[in-house]
Amino acid sequence: MKVIVLKFGGSNLKNRSDLERILRVVSMYKEPFIVVVSAVNGVTNRLIDALDNIRNLDVESFLEDLYLTYRSFLGEENVQLKKRVYEIQELLMGTKLIGKVPDFIYDEVVSHGERCSSMLLSYYLNENGVHCEEALPENFGLVTDGKFKNASVDLSASEVNLRKFFSQKENYVVPGFYGIHEGQVTILGRGGSDYSATSIAYCLNAKRVDLYKDVSGFMTCDPKYVDGVKPVRKLNYDEAAELSYFGAKILHHASVDPVRKKSIPLYIFNINTFESIDRPDTIISFNDSVAKTVIKSISFTDDIVVIQFKGTNVGRVPGLLGQIASTLGSEGVNIKSVVTSQTSINVLVSKQDIERCMRITSKMQIPEVEDIHYKTEISLIAAVGDGLLKKHGIAARIFTAVSRKHINVEMISAGASDVTIYFIVKLQDRDKALRAIHEEFFKDGENDEDDRTDQ
């Protein structure tokens, strides 16, 4: 019998009634499970704000308010939970004295919400007849690469540790969002509890991973920006990974890879409309279903800047792209994508790295580069679907739809992935472009898929 990994996010933990909803869901599982839990809604932001304002922080008052948040879930005092909340008191006081926040303290404090949530939820489940044990990453050995603020899980090292620690006959509650490197906490990036869940599933050869959200799985586009969106019942691993990478906030960008490696299916449920553990809203697996119009979903990200290295022959100079990439990479800049031509090398990076990139590029001495230009106020739109590059006319339909709305496409890339075409437009044209593509491919129900229980 294999374990099932469940994950409940912060949006599932807003008040006491949410605990009751989680209890109802968990009680339906008849096999051993591991629950991975995020911080209570809003707590991570409160911890970050506390560190951002550490010089003026009233540590005692802050921790007391934090404990009252958890007490409101239980409706009663809990000495052990209060003790857990106050475990970061000395860290906060010491940080306040030095007036700055070292990376190792930042990760320790920001992940504190998850450790409090796991104690809260394990206590509540046990009090209500669902036996489970709390287990912390520092105890069972979820190992990371040691990169503060955005670590990756070392799956090989973690697998050895987790197989020794966990019994497949017991239930557990585990805090997500962080792992351990040489005894220090390192967080996995915002939304990292999804990644925790899929990494644990990999290590234990789980039967499946069930992610509980407050939205109905993947949709054909973000309903905040486009009307008439439809659910996407089935995605393969590549499609889900690309949608997450290019802006879909349903999944942490790294969460697909661990389950893909062992062909573990990933189920996504909307806890607010939950009916049964056998009726997920979206199933992610090795399925090879191709939608009638090939495109399954459209995602976007505004967290994008294009650095253009311009010169008459930059695209033909051997090693130039490698020199640019290695220089940026050595300074900790993640390059999202590269598009080249003879006269321009275009490097796509995150907006948060723009100031660092400007400092780096101002010092670059590359004779072939005549000008360095930054394109900001842009949006990257990605159309995703298996078979997209194989079926004739899909790209033409995308860009014809956009052209009809008199939108200028700044840059196009296809072929980097077999399931994605992406392009860049001005930020002011983003919503019109999304609506145009969605209307082209998803009108009149022509892309509807069959029953969601088909795996």
Protein backbone atom coordinates (compact mmCIF):
# COMPACT_ATOMS: atom_id res chain seq x y z
CA MET A 1 0.00 0.00 0.00
CA LYS A 2 1.45 3.36 -1.06
CA VAL A 3 1.09 6.64 0.78
CA ILE A 4 -0.90 9.57 -0.66
CA VAL A 5 0.51 13.09 -0.26
CA LEU A 6 -2.03 15.88 0.36
CA LYS A 7 -1.28 19.57 0.37
CA PHE A 8 -3.40 22.38 1.82
CA GLY A 9 -2.38 25.96 1.05
CA GLY A 10 -2.75 29.18 2.99
CA SER A 11 -5.98 29.96 1.14
CA ASN A 12 -7.40 26.83 2.80
CA LEU A 13 -6.52 28.22 6.25
CA LYS A 14 -8.36 31.48 6.80
CA ASN A 15 -10.53 30.65 9.83
CA ARG A 16 -11.81 27.87 12.08
CA SER A 17 -14.37 26.65 9.55
CA ASP A 18 -11.49 25.88 7.19
CA LEU A 19 -10.12 23.40 9.72
CA GLU A 20 -13.51 21.70 9.70
CA ARG A 21 -13.41 21.56 5.90
CA ILE A 22 -9.93 20.02 5.93
CA LEU A 23 -11.07 17.46 8.51
CA ARG A 24 -13.95 16.46 6.22
CA VAL A 25 -11.59 15.99 3.28
CA VAL A 26 -8.90 14.11 5.21
CA SER A 27 -11.47 11.77 6.76
CA MET A 28 -12.31 10.44 3.30
CA TYR A 29 -8.87 8.91 2.80
CA LYS A 30 -8.70 5.24 3.72
CA GLU A 31 -4.99 4.87 3.00
CA PRO A 32 -1.98 6.30 4.89
CA PHE A 33 -1.36 9.94 4.02
CA ILE A 34 1.09 12.76 4.53
CA VAL A 35 -0.46 16.22 4.76
CA VAL A 36 1.80 19.08 3.67
CA VAL A 37 0.54 22.42 4.95
CA SER A 38 1.31 26.05 4.19
CA ALA A 39 1.26 28.96 6.61
CA VAL A 40 -2.10 30.29 7.76
CA ASN A 41 -3.44 32.85 5.30
CA GLY A 42 -1.52 36.15 5.59
CA VAL A 43 1.06 34.94 8.13
CA THR A 44 4.00 34.71 5.71
CA ASN A 45 3.42 38.31 4.62
CA ARG A 46 3.28 39.38 8.28
CA LEU A 47 6.62 37.68 8.94
CA ILE A 48 8.19 39.33 5.89
CA ASP A 49 6.83 42.74 6.94
CA ALA A 50 8.26 42.22 10.43
CA LEU A 51 11.71 41.60 8.98
CA ASP A 52 11.39 44.53 6.58
CA ASN A 53 10.70 46.78 9.57
CA ILE A 54 12.91 44.99 12.07
CA ARG A 55 14.42 48.15 13.55
CA ASN A 56 11.02 49.34 14.76
CA LEU A 57 9.47 45.95 15.53
CA ASP A 58 7.86 45.41 18.92
CA VAL A 59 8.83 41.74 19.12
CA GLU A 60 6.66 40.82 22.11
CA SER A 61 3.57 42.47 20.69
CA PHE A 62 4.15 40.93 17.27
CA LEU A 63 4.45 37.40 18.64
CA GLU A 64 1.45 37.82 20.92
CA ASP A 65 -0.68 38.93 17.96
CA LEU A 66 0.63 36.00 15.94
CA TYR A 67 -0.32 33.54 18.68
CA LEU A 68 -3.81 35.05 18.92
CA THR A 69 -4.27 34.28 15.23
CA TYR A 70 -3.71 30.58 15.92
CA ARG A 71 -5.75 30.65 19.09
CA SER A 72 -8.71 31.93 17.09
CA PHE A 73 -8.59 28.73 15.02
CA LEU A 74 -8.73 26.51 18.08
CA GLY A 75 -10.97 28.66 20.27
CA GLU A 76 -8.85 27.81 23.31
CA GLU A 77 -5.38 28.17 24.77
CA ASN A 78 -2.68 25.80 23.62
CA VAL A 79 0.58 25.96 25.56
CA GLN A 80 2.60 23.94 23.07
CA LEU A 81 1.48 26.04 20.13
CA LYS A 82 2.29 29.26 21.99
CA LYS A 83 5.74 27.87 22.74
CA ARG A 84 6.18 27.11 19.02
CA VAL A 85 5.16 30.65 18.04
CA TYR A 86 7.71 32.14 20.44
CA GLU A 87 10.59 29.99 19.13
CA ILE A 88 11.68 32.86 16.86
CA GLN A 89 11.71 35.45 19.67
CA GLU A 90 15.48 35.44 20.19
CA LEU A 91 16.12 35.51 16.43
CA LEU A 92 13.93 38.59 16.05
CA MET A 93 15.45 40.34 19.04
CA GLY A 94 18.99 39.63 17.88
CA THR A 95 18.19 40.78 14.36
CA LYS A 96 16.66 43.96 15.72
CA LEU A 97 19.88 44.69 17.61
CA ILE A 98 22.12 44.37 14.54
CA GLY A 99 19.60 46.22 12.38
CA LYS A 100 19.81 43.97 9.33
CA VAL A 101 18.54 40.54 8.35
CA PRO A 102 21.08 37.87 7.31
CA ASP A 103 19.80 35.39 4.73
CA PHE A 104 19.82 32.44 7.12
CA ILE A 105 17.66 34.33 9.61
CA TYR A 106 15.32 35.50 6.85
CA ASP A 107 14.61 31.92 5.75
CA GLU A 108 14.25 30.66 9.31
CA VAL A 109 11.74 33.36 10.23
CA VAL A 110 9.75 33.43 6.98
CA SER A 111 9.22 29.65 7.14
CA HIS A 112 7.99 29.87 10.73
CA GLY A 113 4.35 30.11 9.65
CA GLU A 114 4.49 26.61 8.19
CA ARG A 115 5.90 25.12 11.39
CA CYS A 116 3.09 26.71 13.38
CA SER A 117 0.47 25.51 10.87
CA SER A 118 1.68 21.91 11.04
CA MET A 119 1.39 21.91 14.83
CA LEU A 120 -2.03 23.58 14.66
CA LEU A 121 -3.41 21.13 12.10
CA SER A 122 -1.93 17.98 13.64
CA TYR A 123 -3.39 18.97 17.03
CA TYR A 124 -6.82 19.65 15.50
CA LEU A 125 -6.92 16.40 13.52
CA ASN A 126 -5.91 14.30 16.51
CA GLU A 127 -8.50 16.03 18.70
CA ASN A 128 -11.14 15.12 16.13
CA GLY A 129 -10.36 11.46 15.70
CA VAL A 130 -7.83 11.45 12.84
CA HIS A 131 -4.57 10.12 14.25
CA CYS A 132 -1.44 11.70 12.80
CA GLU A 133 2.07 12.71 13.80
CA GLU A 134 3.77 16.01 13.10
CA ALA A 135 7.09 15.68 11.25
CA LEU A 136 9.47 18.56 10.50
CA PRO A 137 11.88 18.75 7.52
CA GLU A 138 14.79 19.36 9.89
CA ASN A 139 13.99 16.01 11.52
CA PHE A 140 13.23 13.83 8.50
CA GLY A 141 15.89 15.40 6.30
CA LEU A 142 14.40 17.19 3.29
CA VAL A 143 17.75 18.32 1.89
CA THR A 144 18.21 21.35 -0.36
CA ASP A 145 21.05 22.83 -2.41
CA GLY A 146 21.54 25.53 0.23
CA LYS A 147 20.46 28.52 -1.84
CA PHE A 148 18.73 30.93 0.52
CA LYS A 149 15.31 32.34 -0.44
CA ASN A 150 14.87 30.06 -3.45
CA ALA A 151 16.36 26.64 -2.80
CA SER A 152 15.95 23.43 -4.80
CA VAL A 153 15.38 20.04 -3.21
CA ASP A 154 18.19 17.50 -3.47
CA LEU A 155 15.93 14.56 -4.34
CA SER A 156 18.61 11.86 -4.13
CA ALA A 157 19.83 12.81 -0.65
CA SER A 158 16.28 13.46 0.58
CA GLU A 159 15.02 10.10 -0.69
CA VAL A 160 17.51 8.21 1.46
CA ASN A 161 16.50 10.19 4.54
CA LEU A 162 12.74 10.06 4.06
CA ARG A 163 12.65 6.33 3.41
CA LYS A 164 14.35 5.77 6.76
CA PHE A 165 12.08 8.18 8.64
CA PHE A 166 8.52 7.64 7.44
CA SER A 167 6.39 4.60 8.12
CA GLN A 168 3.89 3.86 5.36
CA LYS A 169 1.43 2.71 8.01
CA GLU A 170 1.19 6.09 9.76
CA ASN A 171 -0.36 9.47 8.93
CA TYR A 172 1.74 12.64 9.17
CA VAL A 173 1.39 16.41 9.01
CA VAL A 174 4.40 18.20 7.55
CA PRO A 175 5.17 21.92 7.12
CA GLY A 176 5.87 22.82 3.50
CA PHE A 177 7.87 25.65 1.94
CA TYR A 178 11.34 24.81 3.28
CA GLY A 179 14.08 22.25 3.60
CA ILE A 180 17.47 21.96 5.29
CA HIS A 181 21.05 22.41 4.14
CA GLU A 182 23.86 21.68 6.60
CA GLY A 183 21.55 22.36 9.52
CA GLN A 184 20.16 25.65 8.20
CA VAL A 185 16.65 26.33 6.96
CA THR A 186 16.34 27.28 3.28
CA ILE A 187 12.98 28.21 1.77
CA LEU A 188 11.79 26.95 -1.60
CA GLY A 189 10.35 30.23 -2.88
CA ARG A 190 6.81 31.56 -2.63
CA GLY A 191 4.28 28.82 -3.24
CA GLY A 192 6.95 26.28 -2.34
CA SER A 193 4.64 24.00 -0.37
CA ASP A 194 3.50 22.47 -3.68
CA TYR A 195 7.14 21.69 -4.34
CA SER A 196 7.52 20.20 -0.85
CA ALA A 197 4.56 17.91 -1.51
CA THR A 198 5.79 16.63 -4.87
CA SER A 199 9.34 16.19 -3.56
CA ILE A 200 8.08 14.10 -0.63
CA ALA A 201 5.96 12.09 -3.06
CA TYR A 202 9.05 11.39 -5.17
CA CYS A 203 11.07 10.27 -2.16
CA LEU A 204 8.38 7.86 -0.94
CA ASN A 205 7.11 6.65 -4.34
CA ALA A 206 3.68 7.98 -3.43
CA LYS A 207 0.54 6.71 -5.10
CA ARG A 208 -0.44 10.28 -6.03
CA VAL A 209 -0.34 13.91 -4.89
CA ASP A 210 -3.58 15.77 -4.13
CA LEU A 211 -3.29 19.57 -4.04
CA TYR A 212 -6.19 21.47 -2.49
CA LYS A 213 -6.65 25.04 -3.71
CA ASP A 214 -9.34 27.69 -3.61
CA VAL A 215 -9.66 27.65 -7.41
CA SER A 216 -10.92 24.94 -9.74
CA GLY A 217 -7.63 23.68 -11.09
CA PHE A 218 -6.23 24.91 -14.38
CA MET A 219 -8.45 26.98 -16.64
CA THR A 220 -8.17 27.95 -20.29
CA CYS A 221 -7.02 31.39 -19.06
CA ASP A 222 -7.01 33.44 -15.88
CA PRO A 223 -10.67 34.31 -15.15
CA LYS A 224 -9.57 37.62 -13.64
CA TYR A 225 -8.63 38.82 -17.11
CA VAL A 226 -10.81 36.85 -19.53
CA ASP A 227 -14.53 36.04 -19.42
CA GLY A 228 -15.92 32.64 -20.32
CA VAL A 229 -12.92 30.55 -19.32
CA LYS A 230 -13.33 26.78 -19.18
CA PRO A 231 -11.77 24.13 -16.95
CA VAL A 232 -8.83 22.11 -18.20
CA ARG A 233 -9.44 18.56 -17.00
CA LYS A 234 -6.23 16.93 -18.22
CA LEU A 235 -2.67 18.14 -18.67
CA ASN A 236 0.52 16.24 -19.21
CA TYR A 237 3.59 17.08 -17.17
CA ASP A 238 5.17 19.26 -19.86
CA GLU A 239 2.01 21.32 -20.33
CA ALA A 240 1.58 21.91 -16.59
CA ALA A 241 5.27 22.80 -16.16
CA GLU A 242 5.20 25.30 -19.02
CA LEU A 243 2.00 26.96 -17.81
CA SER A 244 3.49 27.31 -14.32
CA TYR A 245 6.80 28.63 -15.67
CA PHE A 246 5.03 31.23 -17.77
CA GLY A 247 2.84 32.68 -15.07
CA ALA A 248 0.00 30.32 -14.10
CA LYS A 249 -0.14 30.61 -10.32
CA ILE A 250 -1.86 27.26 -9.73
CA LEU A 251 1.45 25.47 -9.19
CA HIS A 252 4.92 26.34 -7.94
CA HIS A 253 7.14 26.38 -11.03
CA ALA A 254 9.36 23.52 -9.79
CA SER A 255 6.63 21.24 -8.47
CA VAL A 256 6.03 19.18 -11.61
CA ASP A 257 9.55 17.82 -12.05
CA PRO A 258 9.67 15.46 -9.01
CA VAL A 259 6.39 13.70 -9.89
CA ARG A 260 7.28 13.54 -13.58
CA LYS A 261 10.47 11.62 -12.73
CA LYS A 262 8.42 8.78 -11.22
CA SER A 263 5.17 9.13 -13.18
CA ILE A 264 3.19 10.06 -10.07
CA PRO A 265 -0.18 11.62 -10.97
CA LEU A 266 -0.98 15.05 -9.59
CA TYR A 267 -4.61 15.86 -8.72
CA ILE A 268 -5.83 19.42 -8.17
CA PHE A 269 -9.03 20.06 -6.20
CA ASN A 270 -11.01 23.18 -5.37
CA ILE A 271 -11.72 22.65 -1.68
CA ASN A 272 -14.71 25.00 -1.85
CA THR A 273 -16.50 22.81 -4.41
CA PHE A 274 -14.99 19.50 -3.29
CA GLU A 275 -17.20 16.44 -3.85
CA SER A 276 -14.99 13.37 -3.71
CA ILE A 277 -11.32 12.43 -3.59
CA ASP A 278 -11.92 10.66 -6.91
CA ARG A 279 -13.20 13.77 -8.72
CA PRO A 280 -10.31 16.21 -9.13
CA ASP A 281 -10.71 19.38 -11.15
CA THR A 282 -7.46 18.83 -13.06
CA ILE A 283 -5.34 15.70 -13.46
CA ILE A 284 -1.68 16.06 -14.40
CA SER A 285 -0.02 12.87 -15.61
CA PHE A 286 1.68 11.27 -18.61
CA ASN A 287 -1.61 11.45 -20.52
CA ASP A 288 -1.27 12.18 -24.22
CA SER A 289 -4.68 13.76 -24.76
CA VAL A 290 -4.65 16.48 -27.39
CA ALA A 291 -7.39 19.10 -27.27
CA LYS A 292 -9.51 19.57 -30.38
CA THR A 293 -7.88 22.93 -31.05
CA VAL A 294 -4.53 21.70 -29.66
CA ILE A 295 -4.10 24.69 -27.30
CA LYS A 296 -5.24 23.80 -23.79
CA SER A 297 -4.51 27.01 -21.90
CA ILE A 298 -3.05 30.49 -22.15
CA SER A 299 -0.89 31.93 -19.40
CA PHE A 300 1.07 35.12 -19.00
CA THR A 301 3.61 36.87 -16.81
CA ASP A 302 4.37 40.55 -16.35
CA ASP A 303 7.51 39.67 -14.39
CA ILE A 304 9.67 40.05 -17.45
CA VAL A 305 12.34 42.40 -18.80
CA VAL A 306 14.21 42.01 -22.09
CA ILE A 307 17.87 43.04 -22.20
CA GLN A 308 18.87 43.69 -25.82
CA PHE A 309 22.58 43.45 -26.64
CA LYS A 310 22.74 45.14 -30.03
CA GLY A 311 25.51 45.13 -32.61
CA THR A 312 25.99 44.61 -36.33
CA ASN A 313 27.17 41.00 -36.02
CA VAL A 314 26.51 39.96 -32.41
CA GLY A 315 24.58 36.89 -33.52
CA ARG A 316 27.60 35.54 -35.39
CA VAL A 317 30.35 36.03 -32.80
CA PRO A 318 31.35 32.63 -31.32
CA GLY A 319 31.06 32.50 -27.53
CA LEU A 320 29.41 35.89 -27.13
CA LEU A 321 26.10 34.53 -25.89
CA GLY A 322 27.95 32.25 -23.47
CA GLN A 323 29.98 35.19 -22.16
CA ILE A 324 26.83 37.24 -21.51
CA ALA A 325 25.01 34.31 -19.89
CA SER A 326 27.92 33.30 -17.66
CA THR A 327 28.47 36.89 -16.51
CA LEU A 328 24.83 37.29 -15.51
CA GLY A 329 24.65 33.80 -14.01
CA SER A 330 27.76 34.32 -11.88
CA GLU A 331 25.95 37.26 -10.25
CA GLY A 332 22.92 35.15 -9.41
CA VAL A 333 20.67 36.30 -12.25
CA ASN A 334 18.32 33.64 -13.61
CA ILE A 335 17.90 33.88 -17.39
CA LYS A 336 14.35 32.91 -18.33
CA SER A 337 14.91 32.68 -22.07
CA VAL A 338 17.11 33.87 -24.93
CA VAL A 339 16.09 34.96 -28.44
CA THR A 340 18.83 35.85 -30.92
CA SER A 341 19.25 37.39 -34.35
CA GLN A 342 22.29 38.62 -36.26
CA THR A 343 21.99 42.14 -34.84
CA SER A 344 20.56 41.49 -31.38
CA ILE A 345 20.88 39.04 -28.49
CA ASN A 346 17.75 39.28 -26.36
CA VAL A 347 17.96 37.98 -22.80
CA LEU A 348 14.77 37.64 -20.75
CA VAL A 349 15.08 38.11 -16.98
CA SER A 350 12.83 38.83 -14.03
CA LYS A 351 11.87 42.40 -13.16
CA GLN A 352 13.30 41.92 -9.68
CA ASP A 353 16.76 41.51 -11.25
CA ILE A 354 16.68 44.67 -13.37
CA GLU A 355 18.79 46.88 -11.08
CA ARG A 356 21.37 44.13 -10.62
CA CYS A 357 21.49 43.56 -14.38
CA MET A 358 21.97 47.26 -15.05
CA ARG A 359 24.97 47.32 -12.69
CA ILE A 360 26.43 44.23 -14.36
CA THR A 361 25.90 45.33 -17.96
CA SER A 362 27.30 48.82 -17.27
CA LYS A 363 30.63 47.15 -16.51
CA MET A 364 30.64 44.78 -19.49
CA GLN A 365 33.40 45.43 -22.01
CA ILE A 366 32.30 43.65 -25.20
CA PRO A 367 33.56 45.35 -28.38
CA GLU A 368 30.91 43.74 -30.62
CA VAL A 369 28.05 45.11 -28.48
CA GLU A 370 27.31 48.65 -29.64
CA ASP A 371 24.29 49.31 -27.42
CA ILE A 372 22.46 47.71 -24.49
CA HIS A 373 18.75 48.47 -24.30
CA TYR A 374 16.18 47.44 -21.66
CA LYS A 375 12.58 46.68 -22.66
CA THR A 376 10.22 47.10 -19.71
CA GLU A 377 6.45 47.50 -19.36
CA ILE A 378 5.92 44.34 -21.36
CA SER A 379 4.04 41.06 -20.86
CA LEU A 380 4.92 37.56 -22.00
CA ILE A 381 1.98 35.47 -23.20
CA ALA A 382 2.31 31.70 -23.62
CA ALA A 383 -0.05 29.40 -25.53
CA VAL A 384 0.37 25.82 -24.29
CA GLY A 385 -0.78 22.48 -25.66
CA ASP A 386 0.70 19.16 -26.69
CA GLY A 387 1.02 18.96 -30.48
CA LEU A 388 1.04 22.73 -30.84
CA LEU A 389 4.17 22.76 -33.01
CA LYS A 390 3.07 19.77 -35.09
CA LYS A 391 -0.35 20.92 -36.26
CA HIS A 392 -0.33 23.28 -39.22
CA GLY A 393 -1.82 26.74 -38.76
CA ILE A 394 -1.91 27.09 -34.97
CA ALA A 395 0.68 29.89 -34.82
CA ALA A 396 -1.03 31.65 -37.72
CA ARG A 397 -4.35 31.60 -35.87
CA ILE A 398 -2.73 33.00 -32.73
CA PHE A 399 -1.07 35.93 -34.43
CA THR A 400 -3.98 36.63 -36.77
CA ALA A 401 -6.26 36.90 -33.74
CA VAL A 402 -3.84 39.32 -32.08
CA SER A 403 -3.37 41.31 -35.28
CA ARG A 404 -7.11 41.84 -35.63
CA LYS A 405 -6.98 43.82 -32.39
CA HIS A 406 -4.17 46.00 -33.82
CA ILE A 407 -1.68 44.68 -31.28
CA ASN A 408 2.01 44.78 -32.14
CA VAL A 409 3.99 41.65 -31.20
CA GLU A 410 7.41 42.65 -29.84
CA MET A 411 9.06 39.24 -29.94
CA ILE A 412 8.15 35.60 -30.75
CA SER A 413 9.69 32.29 -29.70
CA ALA A 414 8.68 28.76 -30.68
CA GLY A 415 10.57 25.49 -30.55
CA ALA A 416 12.23 25.85 -27.14
CA SER A 417 9.46 23.54 -25.89
CA ASP A 418 7.33 21.13 -27.92
CA VAL A 419 4.20 22.35 -26.17
CA THR A 420 4.60 26.15 -26.06
CA ILE A 421 4.61 29.22 -28.26
CA TYR A 422 5.26 32.47 -26.45
CA PHE A 423 5.41 36.07 -27.51
CA ILE A 424 5.79 39.49 -25.96
CA VAL A 425 3.45 42.47 -26.20
CA LYS A 426 3.31 45.85 -24.51
CA LEU A 427 1.81 45.63 -21.03
CA GLN A 428 -1.07 47.90 -22.09
CA ASP A 429 -2.05 45.36 -24.79
CA ARG A 430 -1.89 42.25 -22.60
CA ASP A 431 -5.59 41.91 -21.74
CA LYS A 432 -6.73 42.51 -25.33
CA ALA A 433 -4.29 39.89 -26.57
CA LEU A 434 -5.44 37.31 -24.01
CA ARG A 435 -9.09 37.87 -24.90
CA ALA A 436 -8.38 37.70 -28.63
CA ILE A 437 -6.58 34.34 -28.42
CA HIS A 438 -9.11 32.89 -26.01
CA GLU A 439 -12.00 33.83 -28.27
CA GLU A 440 -10.20 32.30 -31.24
CA PHE A 441 -9.61 28.92 -29.63
CA PHE A 442 -12.23 28.45 -26.93
CA LYS A 443 -15.47 29.84 -28.30
CA ASP A 444 -18.58 27.64 -28.64
CA GLY A 445 -17.18 24.87 -26.46
CA GLU A 446 -15.05 23.51 -29.30
CA ASN A 447 -12.20 22.68 -26.94
CA ASP A 448 -14.26 20.90 -24.28
CA GLU A 449 -12.70 17.76 -22.83
CA ASP A 450 -14.33 14.58 -21.59
CA ASP A 451 -15.08 13.42 -18.05
CA ARG A 452 -12.54 14.39 -15.39
CA THR A 453 -12.38 10.95 -13.77
CA ASP A 454 -10.65 9.53 -16.85
CA GLN A 455 -6.99 9.28 -15.93
